């Protein structure tokens, strides 16, 4: 009975090792490499899209804070001087 157990255990381990080796070998074929590259490209595209969205959001915040979205599109001299003196102070356009 003990021999049957060890034969079954060895056969199971052999099958698992063979399947793992085949899977690894398949991942290095041209098709496997292309699948991994497609996954990496999709991840990079999603990351780039998120960065672009964040840039747009931050630009809107900065334009609002600096008062650049008013009708004239420029800062009056007093506001420009205030911005130079205190660049991190939050400003809202009062227009």
PDB file of N, CA and C in Angstrom:
ATOM      1  N   UNK A   1       0.815  -1.187   0.000  1.00  0.00           N
ATOM      2  CA  UNK A   1       0.000   0.000   0.000  1.00  0.00           C
ATOM      3  C   UNK A   1       0.866   1.262   0.000  1.00  0.00           C
ATOM      4  N   UNK A   2       1.964   1.193   0.719  1.00  0.00           N
ATOM      5  CA  UNK A   2       2.852   2.325   0.814  1.00  0.00           C
ATOM      6  C   UNK A   2       3.479   2.650  -0.544  1.00  0.00           C
ATOM      7  N   UNK A   3       3.840   1.640  -1.297  1.00  0.00           N
ATOM      8  CA  UNK A   3       4.422   1.863  -2.622  1.00  0.00           C
ATOM      9  C   UNK A   3       3.439   2.543  -3.554  1.00  0.00           C
ATOM     10  N   UNK A   4       2.207   2.151  -3.511  1.00  0.00           N
ATOM     11  CA  UNK A   4       1.179   2.757  -4.370  1.00  0.00           C
ATOM     12  C   UNK A   4       1.057   4.250  -4.052  1.00  0.00           C
ATOM     13  N   UNK A   5       1.090   4.581  -2.786  1.00  0.00           N
ATOM     14  CA  UNK A   5       0.996   5.976  -2.366  1.00  0.00           C
ATOM     15  C   UNK A   5       2.161   6.783  -2.940  1.00  0.00           C
ATOM     16  N   UNK A   6       3.388   6.263  -2.794  1.00  0.00           N
ATOM     17  CA  UNK A   6       4.547   6.991  -3.281  1.00  0.00           C
ATOM     18  C   UNK A   6       4.597   7.049  -4.805  1.00  0.00           C
ATOM     19  N   UNK A   7       4.132   6.018  -5.477  1.00  0.00           N
ATOM     20  CA  UNK A   7       4.058   6.054  -6.948  1.00  0.00           C
ATOM     21  C   UNK A   7       3.058   7.122  -7.382  1.00  0.00           C
ATOM     22  N   UNK A   8       1.912   7.184  -6.729  1.00  0.00           N
ATOM     23  CA  UNK A   8       0.898   8.192  -7.069  1.00  0.00           C
ATOM     24  C   UNK A   8       1.421   9.587  -6.765  1.00  0.00           C
ATOM     25  N   UNK A   9       2.106   9.731  -5.641  1.00  0.00           N
ATOM     26  CA  UNK A   9       2.678  11.031  -5.272  1.00  0.00           C
ATOM     27  C   UNK A   9       3.734  11.458  -6.294  1.00  0.00           C
ATOM     28  N   UNK A  10       4.584  10.557  -6.699  1.00  0.00           N
ATOM     29  CA  UNK A  10       5.610  10.864  -7.694  1.00  0.00           C
ATOM     30  C   UNK A  10       5.004  11.211  -9.041  1.00  0.00           C
ATOM     31  N   UNK A  11       3.968  10.475  -9.449  1.00  0.00           N
ATOM     32  CA  UNK A  11       3.315  10.749 -10.732  1.00  0.00           C
ATOM     33  C   UNK A  11       2.652  12.124 -10.711  1.00  0.00           C
ATOM     34  N   UNK A  12       2.006  12.456  -9.604  1.00  0.00           N
ATOM     35  CA  UNK A  12       1.358  13.764  -9.482  1.00  0.00           C
ATOM     36  C   UNK A  12       2.394  14.879  -9.533  1.00  0.00           C
ATOM     37  N   UNK A  13       3.484  14.719  -8.802  1.00  0.00           N
ATOM     38  CA  UNK A  13       4.539  15.730  -8.822  1.00  0.00           C
ATOM     39  C   UNK A  13       5.130  15.859 -10.222  1.00  0.00           C
ATOM     40  N   UNK A  14       5.321  14.745 -10.908  1.00  0.00           N
ATOM     41  CA  UNK A  14       5.848  14.779 -12.272  1.00  0.00           C
ATOM     42  C   UNK A  14       4.923  15.527 -13.218  1.00  0.00           C
ATOM     43  N   UNK A  15       3.643  15.257 -13.118  1.00  0.00           N
ATOM     44  CA  UNK A  15       2.673  15.949 -13.978  1.00  0.00           C
ATOM     45  C   UNK A  15       2.686  17.448 -13.702  1.00  0.00           C
ATOM     46  N   UNK A  16       2.714  17.831 -12.442  1.00  0.00           N
ATOM     47  CA  UNK A  16       2.734  19.258 -12.094  1.00  0.00           C
ATOM     48  C   UNK A  16       3.991  19.946 -12.625  1.00  0.00           C
ATOM     49  N   UNK A  17       5.145  19.287 -12.497  1.00  0.00           N
ATOM     50  CA  UNK A  17       6.397  19.868 -12.986  1.00  0.00           C
ATOM     51  C   UNK A  17       6.363  20.009 -14.502  1.00  0.00           C
ATOM     52  N   UNK A  18       5.896  18.984 -15.200  1.00  0.00           N
ATOM     53  CA  UNK A  18       5.821  19.036 -16.661  1.00  0.00           C
ATOM     54  C   UNK A  18       4.900  20.162 -17.109  1.00  0.00           C
ATOM     55  N   UNK A  19       3.752  20.313 -16.465  1.00  0.00           N
ATOM     56  CA  UNK A  19       2.815  21.384 -16.841  1.00  0.00           C
ATOM     57  C   UNK A  19       3.417  22.754 -16.601  1.00  0.00           C
ATOM     58  N   UNK A  20       4.134  22.930 -15.492  1.00  0.00           N
ATOM     59  CA  UNK A  20       4.758  24.218 -15.180  1.00  0.00           C
ATOM     60  C   UNK A  20       5.857  24.542 -16.196  1.00  0.00           C
ATOM     61  N   UNK A  21       6.644  23.539 -16.572  1.00  0.00           N
ATOM     62  CA  UNK A  21       7.700  23.751 -17.568  1.00  0.00           C
ATOM     63  C   UNK A  21       7.085  24.098 -18.924  1.00  0.00           C
ATOM     64  N   UNK A  22       6.019  23.411 -19.310  1.00  0.00           N
ATOM     65  CA  UNK A  22       5.358  23.715 -20.581  1.00  0.00           C
ATOM     66  C   UNK A  22       4.793  25.125 -20.581  1.00  0.00           C
ATOM     67  N   UNK A  23       4.218  25.544 -19.477  1.00  0.00           N
ATOM     68  CA  UNK A  23       3.664  26.886 -19.391  1.00  0.00           C
ATOM     69  C   UNK A  23       4.773  27.934 -19.524  1.00  0.00           C
ATOM     70  N   UNK A  24       5.896  27.695 -18.851  1.00  0.00           N
ATOM     71  CA  UNK A  24       7.020  28.622 -18.941  1.00  0.00           C
ATOM     72  C   UNK A  24       7.577  28.658 -20.363  1.00  0.00           C
ATOM     73  N   UNK A  25       7.708  27.497 -20.988  1.00  0.00           N
ATOM     74  CA  UNK A  25       8.219  27.443 -22.363  1.00  0.00           C
ATOM     75  C   UNK A  25       7.267  28.148 -23.327  1.00  0.00           C
ATOM     76  N   UNK A  26       5.969  27.986 -23.111  1.00  0.00           N
ATOM     77  CA  UNK A  26       4.970  28.621 -23.970  1.00  0.00           C
ATOM     78  C   UNK A  26       5.030  30.153 -23.840  1.00  0.00           C
ATOM     79  N   UNK A  27       5.389  30.655 -22.653  1.00  0.00           N
ATOM     80  CA  UNK A  27       5.432  32.106 -22.461  1.00  0.00           C
ATOM     81  C   UNK A  27       6.609  32.739 -23.209  1.00  0.00           C
ATOM     82  N   UNK A  28       7.606  31.932 -23.599  1.00  0.00           N
ATOM     83  CA  UNK A  28       8.745  32.462 -24.346  1.00  0.00           C
ATOM     84  C   UNK A  28       8.644  32.230 -25.845  1.00  0.00           C
ATOM     85  N   UNK A  29       7.522  31.742 -26.322  1.00  0.00           N
ATOM     86  CA  UNK A  29       7.307  31.634 -27.762  1.00  0.00           C
ATOM     87  C   UNK A  29       6.929  33.018 -28.287  1.00  0.00           C
ATOM     88  N   UNK A  30       7.018  33.241 -29.593  1.00  0.00           N
ATOM     89  CA  UNK A  30       6.638  34.545 -30.131  1.00  0.00           C
ATOM     90  C   UNK A  30       5.212  34.963 -29.748  1.00  0.00           C
ATOM     91  N   UNK A  31       4.286  34.024 -29.741  1.00  0.00           N
ATOM     92  CA  UNK A  31       2.911  34.361 -29.376  1.00  0.00           C
ATOM     93  C   UNK A  31       2.818  34.742 -27.896  1.00  0.00           C
ATOM     94  N   UNK A  32       3.535  34.019 -27.052  1.00  0.00           N
ATOM     95  CA  UNK A  32       3.529  34.336 -25.625  1.00  0.00           C
ATOM     96  C   UNK A  32       4.158  35.690 -25.330  1.00  0.00           C
ATOM     97  N   UNK A  33       5.254  35.991 -26.007  1.00  0.00           N
ATOM     98  CA  UNK A  33       5.892  37.290 -25.839  1.00  0.00           C
ATOM     99  C   UNK A  33       4.996  38.411 -26.342  1.00  0.00           C
ATOM    100  N   UNK A  34       4.298  38.178 -27.449  1.00  0.00           N
ATOM    101  CA  UNK A  34       3.382  39.196 -27.974  1.00  0.00           C
ATOM    102  C   UNK A  34       2.236  39.454 -27.007  1.00  0.00           C
ATOM    103  N   UNK A  35       1.723  38.409 -26.377  1.00  0.00           N
ATOM    104  CA  UNK A  35       0.656  38.590 -25.384  1.00  0.00           C
ATOM    105  C   UNK A  35       1.133  39.427 -24.208  1.00  0.00           C
ATOM    106  N   UNK A  36       2.339  39.150 -23.738  1.00  0.00           N
ATOM    107  CA  UNK A  36       2.868  39.934 -22.617  1.00  0.00           C
ATOM    108  C   UNK A  36       3.116  41.372 -23.030  1.00  0.00           C
ATOM    109  N   UNK A  37       3.601  41.590 -24.256  1.00  0.00           N
ATOM    110  CA  UNK A  37       3.843  42.953 -24.727  1.00  0.00           C
ATOM    111  C   UNK A  37       2.523  43.708 -24.856  1.00  0.00           C
ATOM    112  N   UNK A  38       1.484  43.049 -25.362  1.00  0.00           N
ATOM    113  CA  UNK A  38       0.177  43.702 -25.469  1.00  0.00           C
ATOM    114  C   UNK A  38      -0.336  44.115 -24.096  1.00  0.00           C
ATOM    115  N   UNK A  39      -0.161  43.271 -23.120  1.00  0.00           N
ATOM    116  CA  UNK A  39      -0.588  43.604 -21.762  1.00  0.00           C
ATOM    117  C   UNK A  39       0.189  44.783 -21.202  1.00  0.00           C
ATOM    118  N   UNK A  40       1.489  44.814 -21.472  1.00  0.00           N
ATOM    119  CA  UNK A  40       2.321  45.926 -20.999  1.00  0.00           C
ATOM    120  C   UNK A  40       1.941  47.224 -21.694  1.00  0.00           C
ATOM    121  N   UNK A  41       1.684  47.161 -22.987  1.00  0.00           N
ATOM    122  CA  UNK A  41       1.291  48.368 -23.714  1.00  0.00           C
ATOM    123  C   UNK A  41      -0.049  48.898 -23.224  1.00  0.00           C
ATOM    124  N   UNK A  42      -0.973  48.017 -22.954  1.00  0.00           N
ATOM    125  CA  UNK A  42      -2.279  48.451 -22.446  1.00  0.00           C
ATOM    126  C   UNK A  42      -2.115  49.119 -21.082  1.00  0.00           C
ATOM    127  N   UNK A  43      -1.259  48.572 -20.247  1.00  0.00           N
ATOM    128  CA  UNK A  43      -1.006  49.172 -18.939  1.00  0.00           C
ATOM    129  C   UNK A  43      -0.376  50.548 -19.088  1.00  0.00           C
ATOM    130  N   UNK A  44       0.589  50.681 -19.993  1.00  0.00           N
ATOM    131  CA  UNK A  44       1.229  51.975 -20.224  1.00  0.00           C
ATOM    132  C   UNK A  44       0.243  52.989 -20.779  1.00  0.00           C
ATOM    133  N   UNK A  45      -0.639  52.553 -21.668  1.00  0.00           N
ATOM    134  CA  UNK A  45      -1.650  53.469 -22.221  1.00  0.00           C
ATOM    135  C   UNK A  45      -2.593  53.967 -21.126  1.00  0.00           C
ATOM    136  N   UNK A  46      -3.039  53.060 -20.259  1.00  0.00           N
ATOM    137  CA  UNK A  46      -3.914  53.468 -19.160  1.00  0.00           C
ATOM    138  C   UNK A  46      -3.199  54.459 -18.242  1.00  0.00           C
ATOM    139  N   UNK A  47      -1.933  54.202 -17.947  1.00  0.00           N
ATOM    140  CA  UNK A  47      -1.159  55.108 -17.103  1.00  0.00           C
ATOM    141  C   UNK A  47      -1.031  56.481 -17.755  1.00  0.00           C
ATOM    142  N   UNK A  48      -0.717  56.502 -19.053  1.00  0.00           N
ATOM    143  CA  UNK A  48      -0.579  57.775 -19.764  1.00  0.00           C
ATOM    144  C   UNK A  48      -1.904  58.540 -19.776  1.00  0.00           C
ATOM    145  N   UNK A  49      -3.012  57.844 -19.966  1.00  0.00           N
ATOM    146  CA  UNK A  49      -4.320  58.499 -19.937  1.00  0.00           C
ATOM    147  C   UNK A  49      -4.607  59.109 -18.567  1.00  0.00           C
ATOM    148  N   UNK A  50      -4.262  58.391 -17.505  1.00  0.00           N
ATOM    149  CA  UNK A  50      -4.478  58.915 -16.152  1.00  0.00           C
ATOM    150  C   UNK A  50      -3.595  60.132 -15.892  1.00  0.00           C
ATOM    151  N   UNK A  51      -2.362  60.092 -16.383  1.00  0.00           N
ATOM    152  CA  UNK A  51      -1.458  61.235 -16.205  1.00  0.00           C
ATOM    153  C   UNK A  51      -2.003  62.447 -16.952  1.00  0.00           C
ATOM    154  N   UNK A  52      -2.461  62.245 -18.193  1.00  0.00           N
ATOM    155  CA  UNK A  52      -3.027  63.359 -18.968  1.00  0.00           C
ATOM    156  C   UNK A  52      -4.244  63.962 -18.269  1.00  0.00           C
ATOM    157  N   UNK A  53      -5.112  63.106 -17.742  1.00  0.00           N
ATOM    158  CA  UNK A  53      -6.299  63.604 -17.030  1.00  0.00           C
ATOM    159  C   UNK A  53      -5.882  64.398 -15.791  1.00  0.00           C
ATOM    160  N   UNK A  54      -4.896  63.911 -15.076  1.00  0.00           N
ATOM    161  CA  UNK A  54      -4.396  64.636 -13.906  1.00  0.00           C
ATOM    162  C   UNK A  54      -3.775  65.967 -14.285  1.00  0.00           C
ATOM    163  N   UNK A  55      -3.075  66.008 -15.421  1.00  0.00           N
ATOM    164  CA  UNK A  55      -2.476  67.254 -15.887  1.00  0.00           C
ATOM    165  C   UNK A  55      -3.545  68.288 -16.203  1.00  0.00           C
ATOM    166  N   UNK A  56      -4.599  67.849 -16.865  1.00  0.00           N
ATOM    167  CA  UNK A  56      -5.680  68.769 -17.207  1.00  0.00           C
ATOM    168  C   UNK A  56      -6.333  69.304 -15.941  1.00  0.00           C
ATOM    169  N   UNK A  57      -6.601  68.424 -14.996  1.00  0.00           N
ATOM    170  CA  UNK A  57      -7.216  68.845 -13.736  1.00  0.00           C
ATOM    171  C   UNK A  57      -6.319  69.840 -13.002  1.00  0.00           C
ATOM    172  N   UNK A  58      -5.044  69.528 -12.922  1.00  0.00           N
ATOM    173  CA  UNK A  58      -4.115  70.422 -12.217  1.00  0.00           C
ATOM    174  C   UNK A  58      -3.978  71.749 -12.943  1.00  0.00           C
ATOM    175  N   UNK A  59      -3.964  71.745 -14.259  1.00  0.00           N
ATOM    176  CA  UNK A  59      -3.866  72.996 -15.001  1.00  0.00           C
ATOM    177  C   UNK A  59      -5.079  73.881 -14.728  1.00  0.00           C
ATOM    178  N   UNK A  60      -6.258  73.270 -14.668  1.00  0.00           N
ATOM    179  CA  UNK A  60      -7.469  74.037 -14.355  1.00  0.00           C
ATOM    180  C   UNK A  60      -7.352  74.636 -12.954  1.00  0.00           C
ATOM    181  N   UNK A  61      -6.877  73.840 -11.996  1.00  0.00           N
ATOM    182  CA  UNK A  61      -6.696  74.349 -10.634  1.00  0.00           C
ATOM    183  C   UNK A  61      -5.713  75.510 -10.599  1.00  0.00           C
ATOM    184  N   UNK A  62      -4.598  75.365 -11.301  1.00  0.00           N
ATOM    185  CA  UNK A  62      -3.588  76.424 -11.307  1.00  0.00           C
ATOM    186  C   UNK A  62      -4.099  77.687 -11.992  1.00  0.00           C
ATOM    187  N   UNK A  63      -4.787  77.517 -13.116  1.00  0.00           N
ATOM    188  CA  UNK A  63      -5.328  78.692 -13.815  1.00  0.00           C
ATOM    189  C   UNK A  63      -6.342  79.418 -12.936  1.00  0.00           C
ATOM    190  N   UNK A  64      -7.149  78.663 -12.213  1.00  0.00           N
ATOM    191  CA  UNK A  64      -8.119  79.268 -11.299  1.00  0.00           C
ATOM    192  C   UNK A  64      -7.399  79.976 -10.149  1.00  0.00           C
ATOM    193  N   UNK A  65      -6.394  79.330  -9.578  1.00  0.00           N
ATOM    194  CA  UNK A  65      -5.667  79.914  -8.457  1.00  0.00           C
ATOM    195  C   UNK A  65      -4.918  81.174  -8.860  1.00  0.00           C
ATOM    196  N   UNK A  66      -4.427  81.220 -10.085  1.00  0.00           N
ATOM    197  CA  UNK A  66      -3.669  82.378 -10.546  1.00  0.00           C
ATOM    198  C   UNK A  66      -4.550  83.440 -11.193  1.00  0.00           C
ATOM    199  N   UNK A  67      -5.823  83.138 -11.342  1.00  0.00           N
ATOM    200  CA  UNK A  67      -6.737  84.103 -11.941  1.00  0.00           C
ATOM    201  C   UNK A  67      -6.521  84.303 -13.426  1.00  0.00           C
ATOM    202  N   UNK A  68      -6.090  83.272 -14.116  1.00  0.00           N
ATOM    203  CA  UNK A  68      -5.796  83.398 -15.544  1.00  0.00           C
ATOM    204  C   UNK A  68      -7.002  83.128 -16.434  1.00  0.00           C
ATOM    205  N   UNK A  69      -8.132  82.780 -15.852  1.00  0.00           N
ATOM    206  CA  UNK A  69      -9.301  82.476 -16.667  1.00  0.00           C
ATOM    207  C   UNK A  69     -10.303  83.621 -16.697  1.00  0.00           C
ATOM    208  N   UNK A  70      -9.891  84.804 -16.289  1.00  0.00           N
ATOM    209  CA  UNK A  70     -10.822  85.928 -16.371  1.00  0.00           C
ATOM    210  C   UNK A  70     -10.898  86.426 -17.811  1.00  0.00           C
ATOM    211  N   UNK A  71     -11.716  87.413 -18.052  1.00  0.00           N
ATOM    212  CA  UNK A  71     -11.991  87.867 -19.424  1.00  0.00           C
ATOM    213  C   UNK A  71     -10.744  88.386 -20.125  1.00  0.00           C
ATOM    214  N   UNK A  72      -9.880  89.093 -19.414  1.00  0.00           N
ATOM    215  CA  UNK A  72      -8.690  89.663 -20.049  1.00  0.00           C
ATOM    216  C   UNK A  72      -7.609  88.615 -20.267  1.00  0.00           C
ATOM    217  N   UNK A  73      -7.532  87.640 -19.385  1.00  0.00           N
ATOM    218  CA  UNK A  73      -6.537  86.606 -19.534  1.00  0.00           C
ATOM    219  C   UNK A  73      -5.178  86.963 -18.969  1.00  0.00           C
ATOM    220  N   UNK A  74      -5.031  88.169 -18.358  1.00  0.00           N
ATOM    221  CA  UNK A  74      -3.762  88.522 -17.742  1.00  0.00           C
ATOM    222  C   UNK A  74      -4.016  89.065 -16.347  1.00  0.00           C
ATOM    223  N   UNK A  75      -2.966  89.171 -15.578  1.00  0.00           N
ATOM    224  CA  UNK A  75      -3.080  89.654 -14.208  1.00  0.00           C
ATOM    225  C   UNK A  75      -2.877  91.163 -14.164  1.00  0.00           C
ATOM    226  N   UNK A  76      -3.662  91.847 -13.344  1.00  0.00           N
ATOM    227  CA  UNK A  76      -3.387  93.278 -13.145  1.00  0.00           C
ATOM    228  C   UNK A  76      -2.063  93.427 -12.394  1.00  0.00           C
ATOM    229  N   UNK A  77      -1.414  94.573 -12.502  1.00  0.00           N
ATOM    230  CA  UNK A  77      -0.090  94.737 -11.874  1.00  0.00           C
ATOM    231  C   UNK A  77      -0.087  94.441 -10.380  1.00  0.00           C
ATOM    232  N   UNK A  78      -1.125  94.862  -9.657  1.00  0.00           N
ATOM    233  CA  UNK A  78      -1.173  94.597  -8.219  1.00  0.00           C
ATOM    234  C   UNK A  78      -1.239  93.106  -7.923  1.00  0.00           C
ATOM    235  N   UNK A  79      -2.043  92.382  -8.679  1.00  0.00           N
ATOM    236  CA  UNK A  79      -2.167  90.940  -8.476  1.00  0.00           C
ATOM    237  C   UNK A  79      -0.873  90.226  -8.855  1.00  0.00           C
ATOM    238  N   UNK A  80      -0.190  90.723  -9.898  1.00  0.00           N
ATOM    239  CA  UNK A  80       1.084  90.123 -10.300  1.00  0.00           C
ATOM    240  C   UNK A  80       2.135  90.329  -9.206  1.00  0.00           C
ATOM    241  N   UNK A  81       2.157  91.517  -8.609  1.00  0.00           N
ATOM    242  CA  UNK A  81       3.106  91.775  -7.532  1.00  0.00           C
ATOM    243  C   UNK A  81       2.791  90.893  -6.326  1.00  0.00           C
ATOM    244  N   UNK A  82       1.500  90.756  -6.002  1.00  0.00           N
ATOM    245  CA  UNK A  82       1.093  89.887  -4.894  1.00  0.00           C
ATOM    246  C   UNK A  82       1.510  88.444  -5.166  1.00  0.00           C
ATOM    247  N   UNK A  83       1.365  87.992  -6.409  1.00  0.00           N
ATOM    248  CA  UNK A  83       1.757  86.631  -6.777  1.00  0.00           C
ATOM    249  C   UNK A  83       3.256  86.429  -6.619  1.00  0.00           C
ATOM    250  N   UNK A  84       4.042  87.438  -6.962  1.00  0.00           N
ATOM    251  CA  UNK A  84       5.494  87.335  -6.810  1.00  0.00           C
ATOM    252  C   UNK A  84       5.869  87.265  -5.333  1.00  0.00           C
ATOM    253  N   UNK A  85       5.206  88.063  -4.514  1.00  0.00           N
ATOM    254  CA  UNK A  85       5.510  88.080  -3.079  1.00  0.00           C
ATOM    255  C   UNK A  85       5.060  86.807  -2.372  1.00  0.00           C
ATOM    256  N   UNK A  86       3.869  86.301  -2.726  1.00  0.00           N
ATOM    257  CA  UNK A  86       3.287  85.128  -2.064  1.00  0.00           C
ATOM    258  C   UNK A  86       2.819  84.119  -3.111  1.00  0.00           C
ATOM    259  N   UNK A  87       3.754  83.368  -3.716  1.00  0.00           N
ATOM    260  CA  UNK A  87       3.379  82.487  -4.833  1.00  0.00           C
ATOM    261  C   UNK A  87       2.510  81.288  -4.446  1.00  0.00           C
ATOM    262  N   UNK A  88       2.504  80.916  -3.170  1.00  0.00           N
ATOM    263  CA  UNK A  88       1.732  79.730  -2.792  1.00  0.00           C
ATOM    264  C   UNK A  88       0.354  80.050  -2.234  1.00  0.00           C
ATOM    265  N   UNK A  89       0.029  81.313  -2.047  1.00  0.00           N
ATOM    266  CA  UNK A  89      -1.275  81.692  -1.508  1.00  0.00           C
ATOM    267  C   UNK A  89      -2.350  81.436  -2.558  1.00  0.00           C
ATOM    268  N   UNK A  90      -3.442  80.827  -2.132  1.00  0.00           N
ATOM    269  CA  UNK A  90      -4.543  80.498  -3.046  1.00  0.00           C
ATOM    270  C   UNK A  90      -5.315  81.766  -3.422  1.00  0.00           C
ATOM    271  N   UNK A  91      -5.575  81.932  -4.691  1.00  0.00           N
ATOM    272  CA  UNK A  91      -6.323  83.091  -5.170  1.00  0.00           C
ATOM    273  C   UNK A  91      -7.535  82.614  -5.963  1.00  0.00           C
ATOM    274  N   UNK A  92      -8.611  83.269  -5.800  1.00  0.00           N
ATOM    275  CA  UNK A  92      -9.815  83.013  -6.605  1.00  0.00           C
ATOM    276  C   UNK A  92     -10.134  84.274  -7.361  1.00  0.00           C
ATOM    277  N   UNK A  93     -10.540  84.072  -8.616  1.00  0.00           N
ATOM    278  CA  UNK A  93     -10.947  85.238  -9.391  1.00  0.00           C
ATOM    279  C   UNK A  93     -12.261  85.760  -8.821  1.00  0.00           C
ATOM    280  N   UNK A  94     -12.380  87.055  -8.700  1.00  0.00           N
ATOM    281  CA  UNK A  94     -13.577  87.667  -8.112  1.00  0.00           C
ATOM    282  C   UNK A  94     -14.457  88.258  -9.174  1.00  0.00           C
ATOM    283  N   UNK A  95     -14.265  87.816 -10.428  1.00  0.00           N
ATOM    284  CA  UNK A  95     -15.016  88.385 -11.549  1.00  0.00           C
ATOM    285  C   UNK A  95     -16.341  87.822 -11.627  1.00  0.00           C
TER     286      UNK A  95
END
